[in-house]
Amino acid sequence: MREALTRSLFKAAALVAVLSLVGAVYAQEEVEFEKVEEEPEMEMKSTDDPGPKISTSVGIKLLSERNSRGMILEDQGMDWQALLGVNVEIVENFSITSGVWLDIHSYNGGGGPSAEAAGAGTANTGLDSFYEFDWWIGFNLKVDKLNITAYYEEFLNPADDFASQTGGFESRHVQTVFTYDGLLDDVYGDIDLKPYVRILWEAAGKAGPGRDQGEYVEIGIAPSTQITDIDGVPITMTVPVTVGLGFDGFYEGNTHLGFVAVGVHFSMPLGFLSDYGSWSLSTGVDMIDGNDSAVGNFNTNVAGQTNDTRVIASIGLSGSF
């Protein structure tokens, strides 16, 4: 049963990757750290048709290391992430959203999290590098400048070793994200602060390193502004600042502060692909400082790392149509 599920997930992920790569190379700007873990914004397209309006977001991203809420999940080789999301506007300001996200590690041998958490020790799966496959379904609601996204999501491990290596890392949960457009525009002018709050409720399994099913709260801003242009192409700089908090046993020792992160990202539109939708290229560096009391045991025992402060470089392409 588990083997059949693994094979089905692998086939689904392969189909997603093929669909996402058709016509161009593309990428994700994460999850939110979420799934940005980071997840690109899904734009709604206007049309004269009275029926539902459908838009699609696709992305691919290359990272030097994988970190999730302060937990080191990969520190060797490279980390590839891909996303496919579909948004269906039912009525004005309300839409249904669904999508899939996958994470593939380029290195799966030797010591460290590649071997311990990415499946190198799981025999006969053929999926040693296929670390994570996520899917979700939910809705988006816009009320004036407030955007609310709520969805059910599952984190799955095709290599079938989350449970053996992390005590049950596969997770079923509900997330709600609140974002606000145009905060303090009259004060900062062209700088868009993009504040948000993310709340995750664990329903089954674990998304965090703690013993109990708890709640995760992420608070952040991602101020951005155009800093220059090159031959008429605008270059935008974004400085994301994120604080991750855990409650009711989400982190180790029921510690509340999980991590603090800050980054510098740059992005530019790819006008030559405008016939195929809206595309952009992005790159950046993020520093994630995990609280040792919250993630130290996980990072030491699973990742083999005693340094909870990580610097991660990334580059990606993303598109919507």
C-alpha atoms as a PDB file:
ATOM      1  CA  MET A   1       0.000   0.000   0.000  1.00  0.00           C
ATOM      2  CA  ARG A   2       2.744   2.415   1.002  1.00  0.00           C
ATOM      3  CA  GLU A   3       4.806   1.343  -2.025  1.00  0.00           C
ATOM      4  CA  ALA A   4       1.884   2.006  -4.364  1.00  0.00           C
ATOM      5  CA  LEU A   5       1.353   5.441  -2.788  1.00  0.00           C
ATOM      6  CA  THR A   6       5.065   6.245  -3.200  1.00  0.00           C
ATOM      7  CA  ARG A   7       4.975   5.210  -6.861  1.00  0.00           C
ATOM      8  CA  SER A   8       1.817   7.291  -7.435  1.00  0.00           C
ATOM      9  CA  LEU A   9       3.368  10.350  -5.784  1.00  0.00           C
ATOM     10  CA  PHE A  10       6.512   9.959  -7.870  1.00  0.00           C
ATOM     11  CA  LYS A  11       4.486   9.740 -11.094  1.00  0.00           C
ATOM     12  CA  ALA A  12       2.419  12.760 -10.077  1.00  0.00           C
ATOM     13  CA  ALA A  13       5.539  14.760  -9.258  1.00  0.00           C
ATOM     14  CA  ALA A  14       7.150  13.773 -12.563  1.00  0.00           C
ATOM     15  CA  LEU A  15       4.036  14.937 -14.432  1.00  0.00           C
ATOM     16  CA  VAL A  16       4.081  18.219 -12.527  1.00  0.00           C
ATOM     17  CA  ALA A  17       7.708  18.781 -13.436  1.00  0.00           C
ATOM     18  CA  VAL A  18       7.050  18.101 -17.129  1.00  0.00           C
ATOM     19  CA  LEU A  19       4.019  20.372 -17.241  1.00  0.00           C
ATOM     20  CA  SER A  20       5.912  23.103 -15.418  1.00  0.00           C
ATOM     21  CA  LEU A  21       8.846  22.989 -17.829  1.00  0.00           C
ATOM     22  CA  VAL A  22       6.787  23.118 -21.051  1.00  0.00           C
ATOM     23  CA  GLY A  23       7.520  26.207 -23.164  1.00  0.00           C
ATOM     24  CA  ALA A  24      10.164  27.779 -20.910  1.00  0.00           C
ATOM     25  CA  VAL A  25      12.261  27.461 -17.804  1.00  0.00           C
ATOM     26  CA  TYR A  26      10.487  28.970 -14.832  1.00  0.00           C
ATOM     27  CA  ALA A  27      10.803  29.421 -11.092  1.00  0.00           C
ATOM     28  CA  GLN A  28       9.458  30.171  -7.637  1.00  0.00           C
ATOM     29  CA  GLU A  29      10.254  33.265  -5.609  1.00  0.00           C
ATOM     30  CA  GLU A  30       9.289  30.664  -1.220  1.00  0.00           C
ATOM     31  CA  VAL A  31       7.010  29.338   0.399  1.00  0.00           C
ATOM     32  CA  GLU A  32       7.104  32.056   2.008  1.00  0.00           C
ATOM     33  CA  PHE A  33       9.724  30.917   3.209  1.00  0.00           C
ATOM     34  CA  GLU A  34       7.283  28.601   2.787  1.00  0.00           C
ATOM     35  CA  LYS A  35       6.675  27.198   1.127  1.00  0.00           C
ATOM     36  CA  VAL A  36       8.533  30.158   0.005  1.00  0.00           C
ATOM     37  CA  GLU A  37       8.780  27.534   1.896  1.00  0.00           C
ATOM     38  CA  GLU A  38       8.192  29.614  -0.071  1.00  0.00           C
ATOM     39  CA  GLU A  39       4.558  29.693  -2.963  1.00  0.00           C
ATOM     40  CA  PRO A  40       4.314  32.588  -5.506  1.00  0.00           C
ATOM     41  CA  GLU A  41       1.315  34.838  -5.514  1.00  0.00           C
ATOM     42  CA  MET A  42      -1.365  33.562  -7.885  1.00  0.00           C
ATOM     43  CA  GLU A  43      -2.596  36.420 -10.049  1.00  0.00           C
ATOM     44  CA  MET A  44      -6.229  36.671 -11.155  1.00  0.00           C
ATOM     45  CA  LYS A  45      -6.737  37.375 -14.842  1.00  0.00           C
ATOM     46  CA  SER A  46      -9.562  39.570 -16.100  1.00  0.00           C
ATOM     47  CA  THR A  47     -11.820  38.274 -18.879  1.00  0.00           C
ATOM     48  CA  ASP A  48     -15.152  39.100 -20.448  1.00  0.00           C
ATOM     49  CA  ASP A  49     -16.399  35.548 -19.949  1.00  0.00           C
ATOM     50  CA  PRO A  50     -19.010  35.204 -17.178  1.00  0.00           C
ATOM     51  CA  GLY A  51     -17.544  31.854 -16.046  1.00  0.00           C
ATOM     52  CA  PRO A  52     -14.750  31.167 -13.536  1.00  0.00           C
ATOM     53  CA  LYS A  53     -11.410  32.857 -14.206  1.00  0.00           C
ATOM     54  CA  ILE A  54      -8.454  30.497 -14.050  1.00  0.00           C
ATOM     55  CA  SER A  55      -4.818  31.454 -13.562  1.00  0.00           C
ATOM     56  CA  THR A  56      -1.714  29.333 -13.107  1.00  0.00           C
ATOM     57  CA  SER A  57       1.588  29.893 -11.307  1.00  0.00           C
ATOM     58  CA  VAL A  58       4.712  27.843 -11.969  1.00  0.00           C
ATOM     59  CA  GLY A  59       8.214  28.060 -10.579  1.00  0.00           C
ATOM     60  CA  ILE A  60      11.556  26.413 -10.138  1.00  0.00           C
ATOM     61  CA  LYS A  61      14.245  27.400  -7.644  1.00  0.00           C
ATOM     62  CA  LEU A  62      17.819  26.305  -6.889  1.00  0.00           C
ATOM     63  CA  LEU A  63      19.166  26.729  -3.333  1.00  0.00           C
ATOM     64  CA  SER A  64      22.536  26.091  -1.738  1.00  0.00           C
ATOM     65  CA  GLU A  65      20.869  24.572   1.351  1.00  0.00           C
ATOM     66  CA  ARG A  66      17.408  23.591   2.588  1.00  0.00           C
ATOM     67  CA  ASN A  67      16.079  25.033   5.822  1.00  0.00           C
ATOM     68  CA  SER A  68      12.539  24.771   7.125  1.00  0.00           C
ATOM     69  CA  ARG A  69      11.491  26.896  10.106  1.00  0.00           C
ATOM     70  CA  GLY A  70      15.021  26.761  11.521  1.00  0.00           C
ATOM     71  CA  MET A  71      15.521  23.042  10.849  1.00  0.00           C
ATOM     72  CA  ILE A  72      18.441  22.103   8.578  1.00  0.00           C
ATOM     73  CA  LEU A  73      17.111  19.598   6.027  1.00  0.00           C
ATOM     74  CA  GLU A  74      19.969  19.708   3.502  1.00  0.00           C
ATOM     75  CA  ASP A  75      23.510  21.051   3.658  1.00  0.00           C
ATOM     76  CA  GLN A  76      25.232  19.136   0.854  1.00  0.00           C
ATOM     77  CA  GLY A  77      24.920  19.428  -2.906  1.00  0.00           C
ATOM     78  CA  MET A  78      22.096  21.593  -4.235  1.00  0.00           C
ATOM     79  CA  ASP A  79      18.396  21.735  -3.477  1.00  0.00           C
ATOM     80  CA  TRP A  80      15.855  21.950  -6.325  1.00  0.00           C
ATOM     81  CA  GLN A  81      12.285  23.080  -5.711  1.00  0.00           C
ATOM     82  CA  ALA A  82       9.394  23.270  -8.170  1.00  0.00           C
ATOM     83  CA  LEU A  83       5.807  24.456  -7.889  1.00  0.00           C
ATOM     84  CA  LEU A  84       2.580  24.313  -9.871  1.00  0.00           C
ATOM     85  CA  GLY A  85      -0.452  26.221  -8.575  1.00  0.00           C
ATOM     86  CA  VAL A  86      -3.934  26.798  -9.986  1.00  0.00           C
ATOM     87  CA  ASN A  87      -6.304  29.568  -8.902  1.00  0.00           C
ATOM     88  CA  VAL A  88      -9.999  29.588  -9.900  1.00  0.00           C
ATOM     89  CA  GLU A  89     -11.898  32.823  -9.209  1.00  0.00           C
ATOM     90  CA  ILE A  90     -15.473  31.835  -8.374  1.00  0.00           C
ATOM     91  CA  VAL A  91     -16.772  35.351  -7.750  1.00  0.00           C
ATOM     92  CA  GLU A  92     -15.015  38.682  -7.422  1.00  0.00           C
ATOM     93  CA  ASN A  93     -12.489  38.611  -4.556  1.00  0.00           C
ATOM     94  CA  PHE A  94     -13.060  34.910  -3.806  1.00  0.00           C
ATOM     95  CA  SER A  95     -11.225  32.003  -5.410  1.00  0.00           C
ATOM     96  CA  ILE A  96     -10.341  28.354  -4.913  1.00  0.00           C
ATOM     97  CA  THR A  97      -6.630  27.536  -4.902  1.00  0.00           C
ATOM     98  CA  SER A  98      -4.766  24.248  -5.209  1.00  0.00           C
ATOM     99  CA  GLY A  99      -1.267  23.143  -6.062  1.00  0.00           C
ATOM    100  CA  VAL A 100       1.716  20.867  -5.611  1.00  0.00           C
ATOM    101  CA  TRP A 101       5.318  21.533  -4.557  1.00  0.00           C
ATOM    102  CA  LEU A 102       8.319  19.224  -4.676  1.00  0.00           C
ATOM    103  CA  ASP A 103      11.851  19.239  -3.280  1.00  0.00           C
ATOM    104  CA  ILE A 104      14.717  17.234  -4.794  1.00  0.00           C
ATOM    105  CA  HIS A 105      18.241  16.960  -3.367  1.00  0.00           C
ATOM    106  CA  SER A 106      21.151  16.605  -5.779  1.00  0.00           C
ATOM    107  CA  TYR A 107      23.283  14.645  -3.291  1.00  0.00           C
ATOM    108  CA  ASN A 108      22.108  11.637  -1.336  1.00  0.00           C
ATOM    109  CA  GLY A 109      25.251   9.909  -0.106  1.00  0.00           C
ATOM    110  CA  GLY A 110      27.728  10.341   2.714  1.00  0.00           C
ATOM    111  CA  GLY A 111      27.106  11.902   6.096  1.00  0.00           C
ATOM    112  CA  GLY A 112      24.836  14.772   6.976  1.00  0.00           C
ATOM    113  CA  PRO A 113      21.170  15.410   6.273  1.00  0.00           C
ATOM    114  CA  SER A 114      21.437  14.148   2.701  1.00  0.00           C
ATOM    115  CA  ALA A 115      22.013  10.642   4.014  1.00  0.00           C
ATOM    116  CA  GLU A 116      20.117  10.890   7.286  1.00  0.00           C
ATOM    117  CA  ALA A 117      16.984  12.708   6.161  1.00  0.00           C
ATOM    118  CA  ALA A 118      16.777  12.514   2.375  1.00  0.00           C
ATOM    119  CA  GLY A 119      16.425   8.813   1.872  1.00  0.00           C
ATOM    120  CA  ALA A 120      19.931   7.503   1.193  1.00  0.00           C
ATOM    121  CA  GLY A 121      19.378   4.850   3.836  1.00  0.00           C
ATOM    122  CA  THR A 122      16.013   3.728   2.438  1.00  0.00           C
ATOM    123  CA  ALA A 123      16.697   0.710   0.245  1.00  0.00           C
ATOM    124  CA  ASN A 124      14.859  -0.179  -2.971  1.00  0.00           C
ATOM    125  CA  THR A 125      12.785   3.004  -3.225  1.00  0.00           C
ATOM    126  CA  GLY A 126      14.584   4.479  -6.241  1.00  0.00           C
ATOM    127  CA  LEU A 127      13.617   7.837  -4.770  1.00  0.00           C
ATOM    128  CA  ASP A 128      16.611   8.618  -2.585  1.00  0.00           C
ATOM    129  CA  SER A 129      16.828  12.240  -3.789  1.00  0.00           C
ATOM    130  CA  PHE A 130      13.065  12.912  -3.788  1.00  0.00           C
ATOM    131  CA  TYR A 131      12.876  14.487  -0.349  1.00  0.00           C
ATOM    132  CA  GLU A 132       9.461  16.095  -0.221  1.00  0.00           C
ATOM    133  CA  PHE A 133       6.166  16.272  -2.093  1.00  0.00           C
ATOM    134  CA  ASP A 134       3.453  18.656  -0.820  1.00  0.00           C
ATOM    135  CA  TRP A 135      -0.074  19.288  -2.007  1.00  0.00           C
ATOM    136  CA  TRP A 136      -2.773  21.688  -0.830  1.00  0.00           C
ATOM    137  CA  ILE A 137      -6.291  22.914  -1.504  1.00  0.00           C
ATOM    138  CA  GLY A 138      -8.035  25.964  -0.066  1.00  0.00           C
ATOM    139  CA  PHE A 139      -9.402  29.396  -0.826  1.00  0.00           C
ATOM    140  CA  ASN A 140      -8.387  33.048  -1.199  1.00  0.00           C
ATOM    141  CA  LEU A 141     -10.553  35.886   0.080  1.00  0.00           C
ATOM    142  CA  LYS A 142      -9.853  39.586  -0.420  1.00  0.00           C
ATOM    143  CA  VAL A 143     -11.512  42.194   1.803  1.00  0.00           C
ATOM    144  CA  ASP A 144     -10.403  45.685   0.790  1.00  0.00           C
ATOM    145  CA  LYS A 145      -6.598  45.597   1.336  1.00  0.00           C
ATOM    146  CA  LEU A 146      -6.653  42.446   3.474  1.00  0.00           C
ATOM    147  CA  ASN A 147      -5.973  39.105   1.774  1.00  0.00           C
ATOM    148  CA  ILE A 148      -6.839  35.830   3.517  1.00  0.00           C
ATOM    149  CA  THR A 149      -5.651  32.457   2.258  1.00  0.00           C
ATOM    150  CA  ALA A 150      -6.641  29.275   4.102  1.00  0.00           C
ATOM    151  CA  TYR A 151      -5.827  25.747   2.980  1.00  0.00           C
ATOM    152  CA  TYR A 152      -5.416  22.129   3.982  1.00  0.00           C
ATOM    153  CA  GLU A 153      -1.930  20.778   3.204  1.00  0.00           C
ATOM    154  CA  GLU A 154       0.101  17.583   3.457  1.00  0.00           C
ATOM    155  CA  PHE A 155       3.898  17.216   3.589  1.00  0.00           C
ATOM    156  CA  LEU A 156       4.863  13.817   2.150  1.00  0.00           C
ATOM    157  CA  ASN A 157       8.209  12.034   1.806  1.00  0.00           C
ATOM    158  CA  PRO A 158       8.450   9.829  -1.320  1.00  0.00           C
ATOM    159  CA  ALA A 159      11.723   8.341  -0.030  1.00  0.00           C
ATOM    160  CA  ASP A 160       9.625   6.985   2.865  1.00  0.00           C
ATOM    161  CA  ASP A 161      11.950   7.855   5.722  1.00  0.00           C
ATOM    162  CA  PHE A 162      10.521  10.922   7.473  1.00  0.00           C
ATOM    163  CA  ALA A 163       9.131   8.701  10.226  1.00  0.00           C
ATOM    164  CA  SER A 164      12.299   6.651  10.723  1.00  0.00           C
ATOM    165  CA  GLN A 165      14.695   9.616  10.646  1.00  0.00           C
ATOM    166  CA  THR A 166      12.714  12.398  12.297  1.00  0.00           C
ATOM    167  CA  GLY A 167      10.112  10.643  14.429  1.00  0.00           C
ATOM    168  CA  GLY A 168       7.229  11.285  12.013  1.00  0.00           C
ATOM    169  CA  PHE A 169       7.988  14.367   9.939  1.00  0.00           C
ATOM    170  CA  GLU A 170       5.159  13.685   7.489  1.00  0.00           C
ATOM    171  CA  SER A 171       2.474  16.179   8.356  1.00  0.00           C
ATOM    172  CA  ARG A 172      -1.160  17.008   7.760  1.00  0.00           C
ATOM    173  CA  HIS A 173      -2.112  20.503   8.775  1.00  0.00           C
ATOM    174  CA  VAL A 174      -4.167  23.619   8.090  1.00  0.00           C
ATOM    175  CA  GLN A 175      -2.542  26.955   7.282  1.00  0.00           C
ATOM    176  CA  THR A 176      -4.018  30.433   7.211  1.00  0.00           C
ATOM    177  CA  VAL A 177      -2.107  33.422   5.818  1.00  0.00           C
ATOM    178  CA  PHE A 178      -3.105  37.059   6.298  1.00  0.00           C
ATOM    179  CA  THR A 179      -1.438  39.695   4.097  1.00  0.00           C
ATOM    180  CA  TYR A 180      -2.093  43.415   3.851  1.00  0.00           C
ATOM    181  CA  ASP A 181      -1.520  45.557   0.767  1.00  0.00           C
ATOM    182  CA  GLY A 182      -0.352  49.143   0.886  1.00  0.00           C
ATOM    183  CA  LEU A 183       0.459  49.455   4.592  1.00  0.00           C
ATOM    184  CA  LEU A 184       1.933  52.914   5.352  1.00  0.00           C
ATOM    185  CA  ASP A 185       2.080  53.801   1.643  1.00  0.00           C
ATOM    186  CA  ASP A 186       1.520  57.441   2.537  1.00  0.00           C
ATOM    187  CA  VAL A 187       4.631  57.334   4.783  1.00  0.00           C
ATOM    188  CA  TYR A 188       7.105  55.269   2.772  1.00  0.00           C
ATOM    189  CA  GLY A 189       5.952  56.158  -0.727  1.00  0.00           C
ATOM    190  CA  ASP A 190       7.291  53.640  -3.250  1.00  0.00           C
ATOM    191  CA  ILE A 191       8.323  51.102  -0.587  1.00  0.00           C
ATOM    192  CA  ASP A 192       5.766  48.308  -0.206  1.00  0.00           C
ATOM    193  CA  LEU A 193       6.105  46.718   3.265  1.00  0.00           C
ATOM    194  CA  LYS A 194       4.037  43.576   2.481  1.00  0.00           C
ATOM    195  CA  PRO A 195       3.346  42.503   6.086  1.00  0.00           C
ATOM    196  CA  TYR A 196       1.918  39.044   6.711  1.00  0.00           C
ATOM    197  CA  VAL A 197       1.020  36.552   9.429  1.00  0.00           C
ATOM    198  CA  ARG A 198       1.011  32.789   8.824  1.00  0.00           C
ATOM    199  CA  ILE A 199      -0.623  30.330  11.239  1.00  0.00           C
ATOM    200  CA  LEU A 200      -0.162  26.551  10.944  1.00  0.00           C
ATOM    201  CA  TRP A 201      -2.165  24.046  12.994  1.00  0.00           C
ATOM    202  CA  GLU A 202      -0.735  20.521  13.075  1.00  0.00           C
ATOM    203  CA  ALA A 203      -3.520  17.955  12.678  1.00  0.00           C
ATOM    204  CA  ALA A 204      -1.499  14.741  12.239  1.00  0.00           C
ATOM    205  CA  GLY A 205       2.230  14.023  12.152  1.00  0.00           C
ATOM    206  CA  LYS A 206       4.731  16.825  12.696  1.00  0.00           C
ATOM    207  CA  ALA A 207       5.870  19.857  10.717  1.00  0.00           C
ATOM    208  CA  GLY A 208       8.096  20.973  13.603  1.00  0.00           C
ATOM    209  CA  PRO A 209      10.752  19.218  15.686  1.00  0.00           C
ATOM    210  CA  GLY A 210       8.805  19.180  18.967  1.00  0.00           C
ATOM    211  CA  ARG A 211       7.097  16.192  20.562  1.00  0.00           C
ATOM    212  CA  ASP A 212       3.491  17.383  20.465  1.00  0.00           C
ATOM    213  CA  GLN A 213       1.162  18.569  17.751  1.00  0.00           C
ATOM    214  CA  GLY A 214       1.092  22.306  18.179  1.00  0.00           C
ATOM    215  CA  GLU A 215       0.797  25.590  16.368  1.00  0.00           C
ATOM    216  CA  TYR A 216       3.312  27.563  14.340  1.00  0.00           C
ATOM    217  CA  VAL A 217       3.025  31.332  13.852  1.00  0.00           C
ATOM    218  CA  GLU A 218       5.183  33.223  11.383  1.00  0.00           C
ATOM    219  CA  ILE A 219       5.283  37.018  11.343  1.00  0.00           C
ATOM    220  CA  GLY A 220       7.093  38.880   8.615  1.00  0.00           C
ATOM    221  CA  ILE A 221       7.483  41.802   6.286  1.00  0.00           C
ATOM    222  CA  ALA A 222       9.061  41.924   2.848  1.00  0.00           C
ATOM    223  CA  PRO A 223       9.588  45.599   1.971  1.00  0.00           C
ATOM    224  CA  SER A 224      10.436  46.068  -1.689  1.00  0.00           C
ATOM    225  CA  THR A 225      11.242  48.952  -3.999  1.00  0.00           C
ATOM    226  CA  GLN A 226      12.638  49.506  -7.454  1.00  0.00           C
ATOM    227  CA  ILE A 227      16.291  50.481  -7.087  1.00  0.00           C
ATOM    228  CA  THR A 228      17.345  50.939 -10.731  1.00  0.00           C
ATOM    229  CA  ASP A 229      16.732  49.764 -14.266  1.00  0.00           C
ATOM    230  CA  ILE A 230      18.954  48.217 -16.902  1.00  0.00           C
ATOM    231  CA  ASP A 231      18.081  49.248 -20.452  1.00  0.00           C
ATOM    232  CA  GLY A 232      14.556  49.984 -19.323  1.00  0.00           C
ATOM    233  CA  VAL A 233      14.181  46.770 -17.303  1.00  0.00           C
ATOM    234  CA  PRO A 234      13.338  47.556 -13.640  1.00  0.00           C
ATOM    235  CA  ILE A 235      15.367  45.905 -10.871  1.00  0.00           C
ATOM    236  CA  THR A 236      13.480  45.428  -7.607  1.00  0.00           C
ATOM    237  CA  MET A 237      15.112  44.840  -4.228  1.00  0.00           C
ATOM    238  CA  THR A 238      13.246  43.044  -1.437  1.00  0.00           C
ATOM    239  CA  VAL A 239      14.412  42.683   2.179  1.00  0.00           C
ATOM    240  CA  PRO A 240      12.340  39.936   3.846  1.00  0.00           C
ATOM    241  CA  VAL A 241      12.401  39.752   7.650  1.00  0.00           C
ATOM    242  CA  THR A 242      10.786  36.737   9.310  1.00  0.00           C
ATOM    243  CA  VAL A 243      10.211  35.533  12.879  1.00  0.00           C
ATOM    244  CA  GLY A 244       9.016  31.955  13.503  1.00  0.00           C
ATOM    245  CA  LEU A 245       7.190  31.089  16.724  1.00  0.00           C
ATOM    246  CA  GLY A 246       5.923  27.767  18.089  1.00  0.00           C
ATOM    247  CA  PHE A 247       3.262  26.933  20.666  1.00  0.00           C
ATOM    248  CA  ASP A 248       1.982  23.820  22.450  1.00  0.00           C
ATOM    249  CA  GLY A 249       5.036  21.709  21.642  1.00  0.00           C
ATOM    250  CA  PHE A 250       5.647  22.674  18.021  1.00  0.00           C
ATOM    251  CA  TYR A 251       9.343  23.294  18.788  1.00  0.00           C
ATOM    252  CA  GLU A 252      11.655  21.364  21.093  1.00  0.00           C
ATOM    253  CA  GLY A 253      11.118  21.878  24.809  1.00  0.00           C
ATOM    254  CA  ASN A 254       7.953  23.852  24.067  1.00  0.00           C
ATOM    255  CA  THR A 255      10.245  26.782  23.189  1.00  0.00           C
ATOM    256  CA  HIS A 256       8.379  29.677  21.602  1.00  0.00           C
ATOM    257  CA  LEU A 257      11.045  31.413  19.507  1.00  0.00           C
ATOM    258  CA  GLY A 258      12.097  29.102  16.673  1.00  0.00           C
ATOM    259  CA  PHE A 259      14.173  31.293  14.364  1.00  0.00           C
ATOM    260  CA  VAL A 260      14.774  34.774  12.980  1.00  0.00           C
ATOM    261  CA  ALA A 261      15.629  35.312   9.311  1.00  0.00           C
ATOM    262  CA  VAL A 262      16.607  38.259   7.135  1.00  0.00           C
ATOM    263  CA  GLY A 263      17.486  38.344   3.450  1.00  0.00           C
ATOM    264  CA  VAL A 264      18.219  40.494   0.430  1.00  0.00           C
ATOM    265  CA  HIS A 265      16.586  39.537  -2.870  1.00  0.00           C
ATOM    266  CA  PHE A 266      16.696  41.058  -6.354  1.00  0.00           C
ATOM    267  CA  SER A 267      14.251  40.420  -9.177  1.00  0.00           C
ATOM    268  CA  MET A 268      13.597  41.552 -12.729  1.00  0.00           C
ATOM    269  CA  PRO A 269      10.803  40.855 -15.234  1.00  0.00           C
ATOM    270  CA  LEU A 270      11.593  38.848 -18.365  1.00  0.00           C
ATOM    271  CA  GLY A 271       9.856  40.870 -21.056  1.00  0.00           C
ATOM    272  CA  PHE A 272      10.947  38.608 -23.902  1.00  0.00           C
ATOM    273  CA  LEU A 273       8.631  35.913 -22.473  1.00  0.00           C
ATOM    274  CA  SER A 274       5.590  38.222 -22.279  1.00  0.00           C
ATOM    275  CA  ASP A 275       3.809  36.280 -25.034  1.00  0.00           C
ATOM    276  CA  TYR A 276       3.715  33.315 -22.640  1.00  0.00           C
ATOM    277  CA  GLY A 277       2.590  35.105 -19.464  1.00  0.00           C
ATOM    278  CA  SER A 278       4.287  37.166 -16.782  1.00  0.00           C
ATOM    279  CA  TRP A 279       7.804  35.867 -15.980  1.00  0.00           C
ATOM    280  CA  SER A 280      10.577  37.029 -13.660  1.00  0.00           C
ATOM    281  CA  LEU A 281      14.113  36.094 -12.642  1.00  0.00           C
ATOM    282  CA  SER A 282      15.169  36.405  -8.999  1.00  0.00           C
ATOM    283  CA  THR A 283      18.214  35.788  -6.847  1.00  0.00           C
ATOM    284  CA  GLY A 284      19.107  36.439  -3.232  1.00  0.00           C
ATOM    285  CA  VAL A 285      20.804  35.522   0.028  1.00  0.00           C
ATOM    286  CA  ASP A 286      19.096  34.717   3.339  1.00  0.00           C
ATOM    287  CA  MET A 287      20.509  34.318   6.841  1.00  0.00           C
ATOM    288  CA  ILE A 288      18.468  32.082   9.128  1.00  0.00           C
ATOM    289  CA  ASP A 289      19.344  32.061  12.816  1.00  0.00           C
ATOM    290  CA  GLY A 290      17.739  29.047  14.516  1.00  0.00           C
ATOM    291  CA  ASN A 291      17.175  29.107  18.257  1.00  0.00           C
ATOM    292  CA  ASP A 292      19.262  26.246  19.643  1.00  0.00           C
ATOM    293  CA  SER A 293      16.693  25.580  22.365  1.00  0.00           C
ATOM    294  CA  ALA A 294      14.027  25.074  19.686  1.00  0.00           C
ATOM    295  CA  VAL A 295      15.864  23.250  16.874  1.00  0.00           C
ATOM    296  CA  GLY A 296      19.275  22.328  18.299  1.00  0.00           C
ATOM    297  CA  ASN A 297      18.566  18.643  18.927  1.00  0.00           C
ATOM    298  CA  PHE A 298      17.092  18.165  15.456  1.00  0.00           C
ATOM    299  CA  ASN A 299      19.968  19.936  13.737  1.00  0.00           C
ATOM    300  CA  THR A 300      22.572  17.981  15.696  1.00  0.00           C
ATOM    301  CA  ASN A 301      21.008  14.511  15.617  1.00  0.00           C
ATOM    302  CA  VAL A 302      19.476  14.545  12.134  1.00  0.00           C
ATOM    303  CA  ALA A 303      21.567  17.086  10.226  1.00  0.00           C
ATOM    304  CA  GLY A 304      24.819  16.548  12.094  1.00  0.00           C
ATOM    305  CA  GLN A 305      25.174  20.324  12.506  1.00  0.00           C
ATOM    306  CA  THR A 306      25.891  22.231  15.695  1.00  0.00           C
ATOM    307  CA  ASN A 307      25.710  25.658  14.038  1.00  0.00           C
ATOM    308  CA  ASP A 308      22.074  26.756  13.845  1.00  0.00           C
ATOM    309  CA  THR A 309      22.890  29.959  11.913  1.00  0.00           C
ATOM    310  CA  ARG A 310      22.799  29.322   8.170  1.00  0.00           C
ATOM    311  CA  VAL A 311      23.424  31.468   5.074  1.00  0.00           C
ATOM    312  CA  ILE A 312      21.550  30.286   1.978  1.00  0.00           C
ATOM    313  CA  ALA A 313      21.873  31.539  -1.615  1.00  0.00           C
ATOM    314  CA  SER A 314      19.152  31.018  -4.191  1.00  0.00           C
ATOM    315  CA  ILE A 315      18.217  31.728  -7.812  1.00  0.00           C
ATOM    316  CA  GLY A 316      14.914  31.090  -9.497  1.00  0.00           C
ATOM    317  CA  LEU A 317      12.482  31.713 -12.318  1.00  0.00           C
ATOM    318  CA  SER A 318       8.746  32.137 -11.878  1.00  0.00           C
ATOM    319  CA  GLY A 319       5.775  32.716 -14.118  1.00  0.00           C
ATOM    320  CA  SER A 320       2.034  33.209 -14.080  1.00  0.00           C
ATOM    321  CA  PHE A 321      -0.510  33.044 -16.856  1.00  0.00           C
END
